[in-house]
Amino acid sequence: MLMIKVIAMIGDIGLLLDPDFNFIERVKPYLNNIMTASFFRKESLEQTRQALTREIMGFPKALRKFLENISSGRTHMEVEVPELHQMHRSLDHIGWKIFLGIVSMGLIIGLSIIITNSQVFSSNWVEIIFLLGLITLLITLIKGITSSSGLE
């Protein structure tokens, strides 16, 4: 901050003394010397060259190691797609609804056949089978209703 303050003061004083004074043009040769001396020293350039060489030469080794890990099965890659999970839940929900519909339809048809052929069974058996079928049908329908409202 002090350096910036000094530079600003020199610029202002230079303009007061000489209206054609251009601070940037006057300082540019000195700044070039300072920049060249500090950033482009031979040691600094050599260190940069060595670091770049290490990085460039190391890249094929890292790539080869990565490919070996993939081909040998040591590397595991997992892709997460949130929309896929949502679609899976929707398909699972639809499958469950279809299953409940088929079971309900089978129970209704089965109970209808048993009731129409009630002379084969005694009336006690027909009533027991009818009640068991009705209870199963109600449980199936209730399960279908609660699963459709998201209470699974």
N, C-alpha and C. Protein backbone atom coordinates (compact mmCIF):
# COMPACT_ATOMS: atom_id res chain seq x y z
N MET A 1 0.83 -1.19 0.00
CA MET A 1 0.00 0.00 0.00
C MET A 1 0.87 1.26 0.00
N LEU A 2 1.97 1.17 0.74
CA LEU A 2 2.87 2.31 0.80
C LEU A 2 3.50 2.58 -0.56
N MET A 3 3.83 1.48 -1.24
CA MET A 3 4.43 1.62 -2.57
C MET A 3 3.44 2.28 -3.54
N ILE A 4 2.19 1.89 -3.46
CA ILE A 4 1.16 2.49 -4.33
C ILE A 4 1.02 3.97 -4.01
N LYS A 5 1.07 4.32 -2.72
CA LYS A 5 0.95 5.71 -2.31
C LYS A 5 2.13 6.54 -2.86
N VAL A 6 3.33 5.99 -2.77
CA VAL A 6 4.52 6.69 -3.28
C VAL A 6 4.42 6.87 -4.79
N ILE A 7 3.99 5.82 -5.50
CA ILE A 7 3.85 5.90 -6.96
C ILE A 7 2.82 6.96 -7.34
N ALA A 8 1.71 7.02 -6.61
CA ALA A 8 0.68 8.02 -6.89
C ALA A 8 1.21 9.43 -6.63
N MET A 9 1.98 9.61 -5.55
CA MET A 9 2.53 10.92 -5.23
C MET A 9 3.55 11.36 -6.29
N ILE A 10 4.39 10.43 -6.74
CA ILE A 10 5.38 10.77 -7.78
C ILE A 10 4.66 11.16 -9.06
N GLY A 11 3.62 10.45 -9.40
CA GLY A 11 2.86 10.78 -10.59
C GLY A 11 2.25 12.16 -10.51
N ASP A 12 1.66 12.49 -9.34
CA ASP A 12 1.04 13.81 -9.16
C ASP A 12 2.08 14.93 -9.18
N ILE A 13 3.19 14.73 -8.48
CA ILE A 13 4.24 15.75 -8.46
C ILE A 13 4.83 15.93 -9.85
N GLY A 14 5.04 14.84 -10.56
CA GLY A 14 5.57 14.92 -11.91
C GLY A 14 4.64 15.69 -12.82
N LEU A 15 3.33 15.52 -12.70
CA LEU A 15 2.37 16.26 -13.52
C LEU A 15 2.33 17.74 -13.13
N LEU A 16 2.51 18.05 -11.84
CA LEU A 16 2.53 19.45 -11.42
C LEU A 16 3.76 20.19 -11.96
N LEU A 17 4.90 19.50 -11.94
CA LEU A 17 6.12 20.13 -12.42
C LEU A 17 6.20 20.18 -13.94
N ASP A 18 5.71 19.11 -14.58
CA ASP A 18 5.77 19.03 -16.05
C ASP A 18 4.45 18.46 -16.55
N PRO A 19 3.59 19.29 -17.15
CA PRO A 19 2.28 18.80 -17.61
C PRO A 19 2.39 17.70 -18.68
N ASP A 20 3.49 17.57 -19.37
CA ASP A 20 3.66 16.52 -20.37
C ASP A 20 4.30 15.26 -19.78
N PHE A 21 4.44 15.22 -18.47
CA PHE A 21 5.08 14.09 -17.79
C PHE A 21 4.20 12.84 -17.93
N ASN A 22 4.79 11.74 -18.40
CA ASN A 22 4.07 10.46 -18.52
C ASN A 22 4.78 9.47 -17.61
N PHE A 23 4.16 9.22 -16.49
CA PHE A 23 4.76 8.38 -15.46
C PHE A 23 5.00 6.96 -15.96
N ILE A 24 4.02 6.39 -16.66
CA ILE A 24 4.12 5.00 -17.14
C ILE A 24 5.31 4.84 -18.07
N GLU A 25 5.49 5.80 -19.00
CA GLU A 25 6.61 5.70 -19.96
C GLU A 25 7.95 5.83 -19.24
N ARG A 26 8.01 6.64 -18.21
CA ARG A 26 9.26 6.83 -17.46
C ARG A 26 9.63 5.60 -16.63
N VAL A 27 8.63 4.90 -16.11
CA VAL A 27 8.85 3.79 -15.19
C VAL A 27 8.97 2.46 -15.93
N LYS A 28 8.46 2.38 -17.15
CA LYS A 28 8.41 1.12 -17.89
C LYS A 28 9.78 0.44 -18.01
N PRO A 29 10.87 1.10 -18.34
CA PRO A 29 12.15 0.39 -18.43
C PRO A 29 12.59 -0.22 -17.10
N TYR A 30 12.35 0.49 -16.01
CA TYR A 30 12.74 -0.04 -14.70
C TYR A 30 11.88 -1.25 -14.32
N LEU A 31 10.59 -1.15 -14.60
CA LEU A 31 9.70 -2.28 -14.30
C LEU A 31 10.06 -3.50 -15.13
N ASN A 32 10.43 -3.28 -16.40
CA ASN A 32 10.85 -4.40 -17.24
C ASN A 32 12.09 -5.08 -16.67
N ASN A 33 13.04 -4.29 -16.22
CA ASN A 33 14.26 -4.86 -15.63
C ASN A 33 13.93 -5.67 -14.37
N ILE A 34 13.07 -5.11 -13.53
CA ILE A 34 12.70 -5.80 -12.28
C ILE A 34 11.97 -7.10 -12.59
N MET A 35 11.02 -7.06 -13.52
CA MET A 35 10.25 -8.25 -13.88
C MET A 35 11.15 -9.31 -14.50
N THR A 36 12.01 -8.87 -15.40
CA THR A 36 12.90 -9.83 -16.06
C THR A 36 13.86 -10.45 -15.05
N ALA A 37 14.37 -9.65 -14.16
CA ALA A 37 15.33 -10.16 -13.18
C ALA A 37 14.68 -11.14 -12.20
N SER A 38 13.44 -10.90 -11.81
CA SER A 38 12.84 -11.76 -10.79
C SER A 38 12.11 -12.97 -11.38
N PHE A 39 11.38 -12.80 -12.46
CA PHE A 39 10.57 -13.90 -12.99
C PHE A 39 11.30 -14.74 -14.03
N PHE A 40 12.19 -14.16 -14.77
CA PHE A 40 12.82 -14.88 -15.87
C PHE A 40 14.30 -15.17 -15.58
N ARG A 41 14.60 -15.42 -14.33
CA ARG A 41 15.96 -15.85 -14.00
C ARG A 41 16.18 -17.23 -14.59
N LYS A 42 17.42 -17.56 -14.83
CA LYS A 42 17.74 -18.85 -15.43
C LYS A 42 17.31 -19.98 -14.51
N GLU A 43 17.49 -19.84 -13.20
CA GLU A 43 17.09 -20.88 -12.24
C GLU A 43 15.58 -21.07 -12.24
N SER A 44 14.86 -19.95 -12.28
CA SER A 44 13.40 -20.02 -12.27
C SER A 44 12.88 -20.69 -13.54
N LEU A 45 13.45 -20.34 -14.66
CA LEU A 45 13.02 -20.96 -15.91
C LEU A 45 13.36 -22.46 -15.92
N GLU A 46 14.49 -22.83 -15.36
CA GLU A 46 14.89 -24.24 -15.31
C GLU A 46 13.93 -25.03 -14.41
N GLN A 47 13.55 -24.45 -13.29
CA GLN A 47 12.61 -25.12 -12.39
C GLN A 47 11.25 -25.30 -13.07
N THR A 48 10.81 -24.29 -13.79
CA THR A 48 9.54 -24.37 -14.51
C THR A 48 9.61 -25.45 -15.58
N ARG A 49 10.73 -25.50 -16.32
CA ARG A 49 10.88 -26.50 -17.37
C ARG A 49 10.86 -27.91 -16.78
N GLN A 50 11.55 -28.11 -15.66
CA GLN A 50 11.58 -29.43 -15.03
C GLN A 50 10.20 -29.84 -14.53
N ALA A 51 9.47 -28.90 -13.94
CA ALA A 51 8.13 -29.21 -13.45
C ALA A 51 7.20 -29.59 -14.60
N LEU A 52 7.28 -28.84 -15.70
CA LEU A 52 6.44 -29.16 -16.86
C LEU A 52 6.82 -30.51 -17.46
N THR A 53 8.11 -30.79 -17.54
CA THR A 53 8.57 -32.08 -18.07
C THR A 53 8.05 -33.22 -17.22
N ARG A 54 8.13 -33.07 -15.88
CA ARG A 54 7.62 -34.12 -14.99
C ARG A 54 6.14 -34.35 -15.21
N GLU A 55 5.38 -33.27 -15.33
CA GLU A 55 3.93 -33.39 -15.52
C GLU A 55 3.60 -34.04 -16.86
N ILE A 56 4.28 -33.61 -17.92
CA ILE A 56 3.99 -34.15 -19.25
C ILE A 56 4.40 -35.61 -19.33
N MET A 57 5.54 -35.96 -18.78
CA MET A 57 6.01 -37.34 -18.83
C MET A 57 5.20 -38.24 -17.89
N GLY A 58 4.67 -37.68 -16.84
CA GLY A 58 3.89 -38.47 -15.89
C GLY A 58 2.48 -38.75 -16.37
N PHE A 59 1.97 -37.96 -17.29
CA PHE A 59 0.59 -38.14 -17.74
C PHE A 59 0.36 -39.49 -18.41
N PRO A 60 1.22 -39.94 -19.35
CA PRO A 60 0.97 -41.25 -19.95
C PRO A 60 1.02 -42.38 -18.92
N LYS A 61 1.89 -42.27 -17.91
CA LYS A 61 1.95 -43.31 -16.87
C LYS A 61 0.64 -43.35 -16.08
N ALA A 62 0.14 -42.18 -15.73
CA ALA A 62 -1.12 -42.12 -14.98
C ALA A 62 -2.27 -42.65 -15.82
N LEU A 63 -2.28 -42.31 -17.11
CA LEU A 63 -3.33 -42.80 -18.00
C LEU A 63 -3.24 -44.31 -18.15
N ARG A 64 -2.03 -44.84 -18.31
CA ARG A 64 -1.84 -46.29 -18.43
C ARG A 64 -2.30 -46.99 -17.17
N LYS A 65 -1.95 -46.44 -16.00
CA LYS A 65 -2.37 -47.04 -14.73
C LYS A 65 -3.89 -47.02 -14.58
N PHE A 66 -4.51 -45.92 -14.98
CA PHE A 66 -5.96 -45.81 -14.92
C PHE A 66 -6.62 -46.86 -15.81
N LEU A 67 -6.11 -47.02 -17.03
CA LEU A 67 -6.67 -48.01 -17.95
C LEU A 67 -6.46 -49.44 -17.44
N GLU A 68 -5.30 -49.70 -16.83
CA GLU A 68 -5.06 -51.02 -16.24
C GLU A 68 -6.03 -51.30 -15.10
N ASN A 69 -6.30 -50.30 -14.27
CA ASN A 69 -7.24 -50.48 -13.16
C ASN A 69 -8.64 -50.76 -13.67
N ILE A 70 -9.04 -50.07 -14.73
CA ILE A 70 -10.38 -50.31 -15.28
C ILE A 70 -10.47 -51.71 -15.87
N SER A 71 -9.46 -52.11 -16.64
CA SER A 71 -9.52 -53.42 -17.30
C SER A 71 -9.40 -54.57 -16.31
N SER A 72 -8.70 -54.37 -15.18
CA SER A 72 -8.57 -55.45 -14.20
C SER A 72 -9.73 -55.49 -13.22
N GLY A 73 -10.57 -54.49 -13.23
CA GLY A 73 -11.72 -54.48 -12.34
C GLY A 73 -11.44 -53.88 -10.97
N ARG A 74 -10.26 -53.28 -10.78
CA ARG A 74 -9.93 -52.66 -9.49
C ARG A 74 -10.61 -51.31 -9.32
N THR A 75 -10.98 -50.71 -10.42
CA THR A 75 -11.64 -49.41 -10.37
C THR A 75 -13.14 -49.63 -10.52
N HIS A 76 -13.89 -48.98 -9.66
CA HIS A 76 -15.35 -49.08 -9.68
C HIS A 76 -15.93 -47.72 -10.00
N MET A 77 -16.76 -47.68 -11.01
CA MET A 77 -17.38 -46.42 -11.39
C MET A 77 -18.88 -46.54 -11.19
N GLU A 78 -19.45 -45.53 -10.57
CA GLU A 78 -20.89 -45.54 -10.30
C GLU A 78 -21.48 -44.24 -10.80
N VAL A 79 -22.59 -44.37 -11.55
CA VAL A 79 -23.27 -43.21 -12.09
C VAL A 79 -24.61 -43.09 -11.37
N GLU A 80 -24.88 -41.93 -10.85
CA GLU A 80 -26.10 -41.67 -10.09
C GLU A 80 -27.04 -40.81 -10.94
N VAL A 81 -28.23 -41.35 -11.25
CA VAL A 81 -29.22 -40.61 -12.03
C VAL A 81 -30.49 -40.54 -11.20
N PRO A 82 -30.78 -39.39 -10.58
CA PRO A 82 -31.96 -39.28 -9.71
C PRO A 82 -33.26 -39.58 -10.44
N GLU A 83 -33.36 -39.17 -11.69
CA GLU A 83 -34.60 -39.42 -12.44
C GLU A 83 -34.83 -40.91 -12.64
N LEU A 84 -33.74 -41.69 -12.73
CA LEU A 84 -33.86 -43.13 -12.91
C LEU A 84 -34.44 -43.77 -11.67
N HIS A 85 -34.05 -43.31 -10.49
CA HIS A 85 -34.61 -43.84 -9.24
C HIS A 85 -36.10 -43.52 -9.15
N GLN A 86 -36.48 -42.32 -9.54
CA GLN A 86 -37.89 -41.94 -9.50
C GLN A 86 -38.69 -42.79 -10.48
N MET A 87 -38.14 -43.02 -11.67
CA MET A 87 -38.83 -43.84 -12.66
C MET A 87 -38.94 -45.28 -12.16
N HIS A 88 -37.90 -45.79 -11.47
CA HIS A 88 -37.95 -47.13 -10.93
C HIS A 88 -39.06 -47.26 -9.88
N ARG A 89 -39.17 -46.25 -9.00
CA ARG A 89 -40.24 -46.26 -8.00
C ARG A 89 -41.62 -46.23 -8.66
N SER A 90 -41.76 -45.42 -9.72
CA SER A 90 -43.04 -45.33 -10.42
C SER A 90 -43.40 -46.66 -11.07
N LEU A 91 -42.42 -47.31 -11.71
CA LEU A 91 -42.69 -48.61 -12.34
C LEU A 91 -43.01 -49.67 -11.30
N ASP A 92 -42.32 -49.62 -10.17
CA ASP A 92 -42.60 -50.55 -9.08
C ASP A 92 -44.02 -50.34 -8.56
N HIS A 93 -44.41 -49.10 -8.42
CA HIS A 93 -45.75 -48.76 -7.96
C HIS A 93 -46.81 -49.25 -8.96
N ILE A 94 -46.56 -49.04 -10.24
CA ILE A 94 -47.50 -49.49 -11.28
C ILE A 94 -47.60 -51.01 -11.27
N GLY A 95 -46.47 -51.71 -11.13
CA GLY A 95 -46.49 -53.18 -11.08
C GLY A 95 -47.28 -53.69 -9.90
N TRP A 96 -47.11 -53.02 -8.75
CA TRP A 96 -47.87 -53.43 -7.56
C TRP A 96 -49.37 -53.23 -7.79
N LYS A 97 -49.75 -52.14 -8.43
CA LYS A 97 -51.17 -51.87 -8.72
C LYS A 97 -51.74 -52.95 -9.65
N ILE A 98 -50.97 -53.30 -10.67
CA ILE A 98 -51.44 -54.34 -11.60
C ILE A 98 -51.61 -55.67 -10.87
N PHE A 99 -50.65 -56.01 -10.01
CA PHE A 99 -50.75 -57.25 -9.23
C PHE A 99 -51.98 -57.25 -8.35
N LEU A 100 -52.23 -56.13 -7.64
CA LEU A 100 -53.41 -56.07 -6.78
C LEU A 100 -54.70 -56.16 -7.59
N GLY A 101 -54.72 -55.55 -8.76
CA GLY A 101 -55.90 -55.64 -9.62
C GLY A 101 -56.17 -57.06 -10.07
N ILE A 102 -55.12 -57.79 -10.45
CA ILE A 102 -55.30 -59.17 -10.90
C ILE A 102 -55.74 -60.06 -9.76
N VAL A 103 -55.16 -59.88 -8.57
CA VAL A 103 -55.56 -60.68 -7.41
C VAL A 103 -57.02 -60.38 -7.05
N SER A 104 -57.40 -59.11 -7.05
CA SER A 104 -58.79 -58.75 -6.73
C SER A 104 -59.75 -59.35 -7.75
N MET A 105 -59.40 -59.24 -9.02
CA MET A 105 -60.26 -59.79 -10.06
C MET A 105 -60.39 -61.31 -9.92
N GLY A 106 -59.27 -61.99 -9.61
CA GLY A 106 -59.32 -63.44 -9.41
C GLY A 106 -60.19 -63.82 -8.22
N LEU A 107 -60.09 -63.04 -7.14
CA LEU A 107 -60.93 -63.33 -5.97
C LEU A 107 -62.41 -63.12 -6.28
N ILE A 108 -62.72 -62.07 -7.00
CA ILE A 108 -64.13 -61.81 -7.35
C ILE A 108 -64.68 -62.92 -8.24
N ILE A 109 -63.90 -63.31 -9.26
CA ILE A 109 -64.36 -64.37 -10.16
C ILE A 109 -64.47 -65.69 -9.40
N GLY A 110 -63.47 -65.99 -8.55
CA GLY A 110 -63.51 -67.23 -7.78
C GLY A 110 -64.70 -67.27 -6.83
N LEU A 111 -64.95 -66.18 -6.16
CA LEU A 111 -66.11 -66.15 -5.25
C LEU A 111 -67.41 -66.28 -6.03
N SER A 112 -67.49 -65.67 -7.21
CA SER A 112 -68.70 -65.79 -8.03
C SER A 112 -68.92 -67.23 -8.45
N ILE A 113 -67.87 -67.93 -8.82
CA ILE A 113 -68.01 -69.35 -9.23
C ILE A 113 -68.43 -70.20 -8.05
N ILE A 114 -67.84 -69.94 -6.88
CA ILE A 114 -68.20 -70.73 -5.69
C ILE A 114 -69.65 -70.49 -5.31
N ILE A 115 -70.10 -69.26 -5.37
CA ILE A 115 -71.48 -68.95 -4.97
C ILE A 115 -72.46 -69.56 -5.96
N THR A 116 -72.15 -69.50 -7.26
CA THR A 116 -73.10 -70.06 -8.24
C THR A 116 -73.13 -71.58 -8.18
N ASN A 117 -72.05 -72.22 -7.76
CA ASN A 117 -72.03 -73.69 -7.63
C ASN A 117 -72.11 -74.08 -6.16
N SER A 118 -72.95 -73.44 -5.42
CA SER A 118 -73.01 -73.68 -3.97
C SER A 118 -73.61 -75.05 -3.65
N GLN A 119 -74.24 -75.70 -4.60
CA GLN A 119 -74.81 -77.02 -4.29
C GLN A 119 -73.72 -78.08 -4.14
N VAL A 120 -72.48 -77.80 -4.64
CA VAL A 120 -71.39 -78.76 -4.49
C VAL A 120 -70.92 -78.77 -3.03
N PHE A 121 -70.84 -77.61 -2.43
CA PHE A 121 -70.38 -77.50 -1.05
C PHE A 121 -71.58 -77.34 -0.13
N SER A 122 -71.38 -77.66 1.12
CA SER A 122 -72.43 -77.40 2.10
C SER A 122 -72.47 -75.90 2.34
N SER A 123 -73.58 -75.42 2.83
CA SER A 123 -73.76 -73.98 3.00
C SER A 123 -72.76 -73.39 3.99
N ASN A 124 -72.32 -74.18 4.98
CA ASN A 124 -71.32 -73.67 5.94
C ASN A 124 -70.00 -73.38 5.24
N TRP A 125 -69.57 -74.28 4.36
CA TRP A 125 -68.31 -74.09 3.64
C TRP A 125 -68.39 -72.89 2.70
N VAL A 126 -69.54 -72.71 2.06
CA VAL A 126 -69.70 -71.59 1.14
C VAL A 126 -69.57 -70.27 1.90
N GLU A 127 -70.21 -70.21 3.07
CA GLU A 127 -70.14 -68.99 3.87
C GLU A 127 -68.70 -68.71 4.35
N ILE A 128 -67.99 -69.75 4.77
CA ILE A 128 -66.61 -69.59 5.25
C ILE A 128 -65.71 -69.14 4.10
N ILE A 129 -65.84 -69.81 2.95
CA ILE A 129 -65.01 -69.44 1.80
C ILE A 129 -65.35 -68.03 1.33
N PHE A 130 -66.64 -67.69 1.33
CA PHE A 130 -67.05 -66.34 0.93
C PHE A 130 -66.47 -65.29 1.87
N LEU A 131 -66.54 -65.53 3.19
CA LEU A 131 -66.01 -64.58 4.16
C LEU A 131 -64.48 -64.45 4.03
N LEU A 132 -63.78 -65.57 3.87
CA LEU A 132 -62.33 -65.52 3.70
C LEU A 132 -61.97 -64.76 2.41
N GLY A 133 -62.67 -65.01 1.34
CA GLY A 133 -62.41 -64.31 0.08
C GLY A 133 -62.70 -62.83 0.19
N LEU A 134 -63.82 -62.50 0.87
CA LEU A 134 -64.19 -61.10 1.05
C LEU A 134 -63.15 -60.37 1.91
N ILE A 135 -62.68 -61.00 2.99
CA ILE A 135 -61.65 -60.39 3.84
C ILE A 135 -60.36 -60.20 3.05
N THR A 136 -59.97 -61.21 2.29
CA THR A 136 -58.75 -61.10 1.46
C THR A 136 -58.90 -59.99 0.43
N LEU A 137 -60.06 -59.90 -0.19
CA LEU A 137 -60.32 -58.84 -1.17
C LEU A 137 -60.24 -57.47 -0.52
N LEU A 138 -60.83 -57.31 0.65
CA LEU A 138 -60.80 -56.03 1.35
C LEU A 138 -59.36 -55.65 1.75
N ILE A 139 -58.60 -56.63 2.26
CA ILE A 139 -57.21 -56.35 2.63
C ILE A 139 -56.41 -55.93 1.40
N THR A 140 -56.65 -56.62 0.28
CA THR A 140 -55.94 -56.29 -0.96
C THR A 140 -56.29 -54.89 -1.43
N LEU A 141 -57.57 -54.55 -1.39
CA LEU A 141 -57.99 -53.22 -1.83
C LEU A 141 -57.47 -52.13 -0.89
N ILE A 142 -57.50 -52.39 0.41
CA ILE A 142 -56.99 -51.40 1.37
C ILE A 142 -55.49 -51.19 1.16
N LYS A 143 -54.77 -52.29 0.94
CA LYS A 143 -53.33 -52.19 0.66
C LYS A 143 -53.10 -51.37 -0.61
N GLY A 144 -53.92 -51.58 -1.62
CA GLY A 144 -53.80 -50.81 -2.86
C GLY A 144 -54.10 -49.35 -2.66
N ILE A 145 -55.09 -49.02 -1.87
CA ILE A 145 -55.45 -47.63 -1.61
C ILE A 145 -54.37 -46.93 -0.80
N THR A 146 -53.86 -47.60 0.26
CA THR A 146 -52.82 -46.96 1.08
C THR A 146 -51.52 -46.80 0.31
N SER A 147 -51.20 -47.75 -0.57
CA SER A 147 -49.95 -47.62 -1.33
C SER A 147 -50.09 -46.52 -2.39
N SER A 148 -51.28 -46.27 -2.88
CA SER A 148 -51.43 -45.21 -3.89
C SER A 148 -51.40 -43.83 -3.26
N SER A 149 -51.71 -43.74 -1.96
CA SER A 149 -51.66 -42.44 -1.31
C SER A 149 -50.29 -42.18 -0.70
N GLY A 150 -49.33 -43.09 -0.92
CA GLY A 150 -47.98 -42.87 -0.46
C GLY A 150 -47.74 -43.30 0.98
N LEU A 151 -48.61 -44.12 1.56
CA LEU A 151 -48.47 -44.56 2.93
C LEU A 151 -47.78 -45.91 3.03
N GLU A 152 -47.09 -46.35 1.99
CA GLU A 152 -46.44 -47.65 1.98
C GLU A 152 -45.45 -47.79 3.09
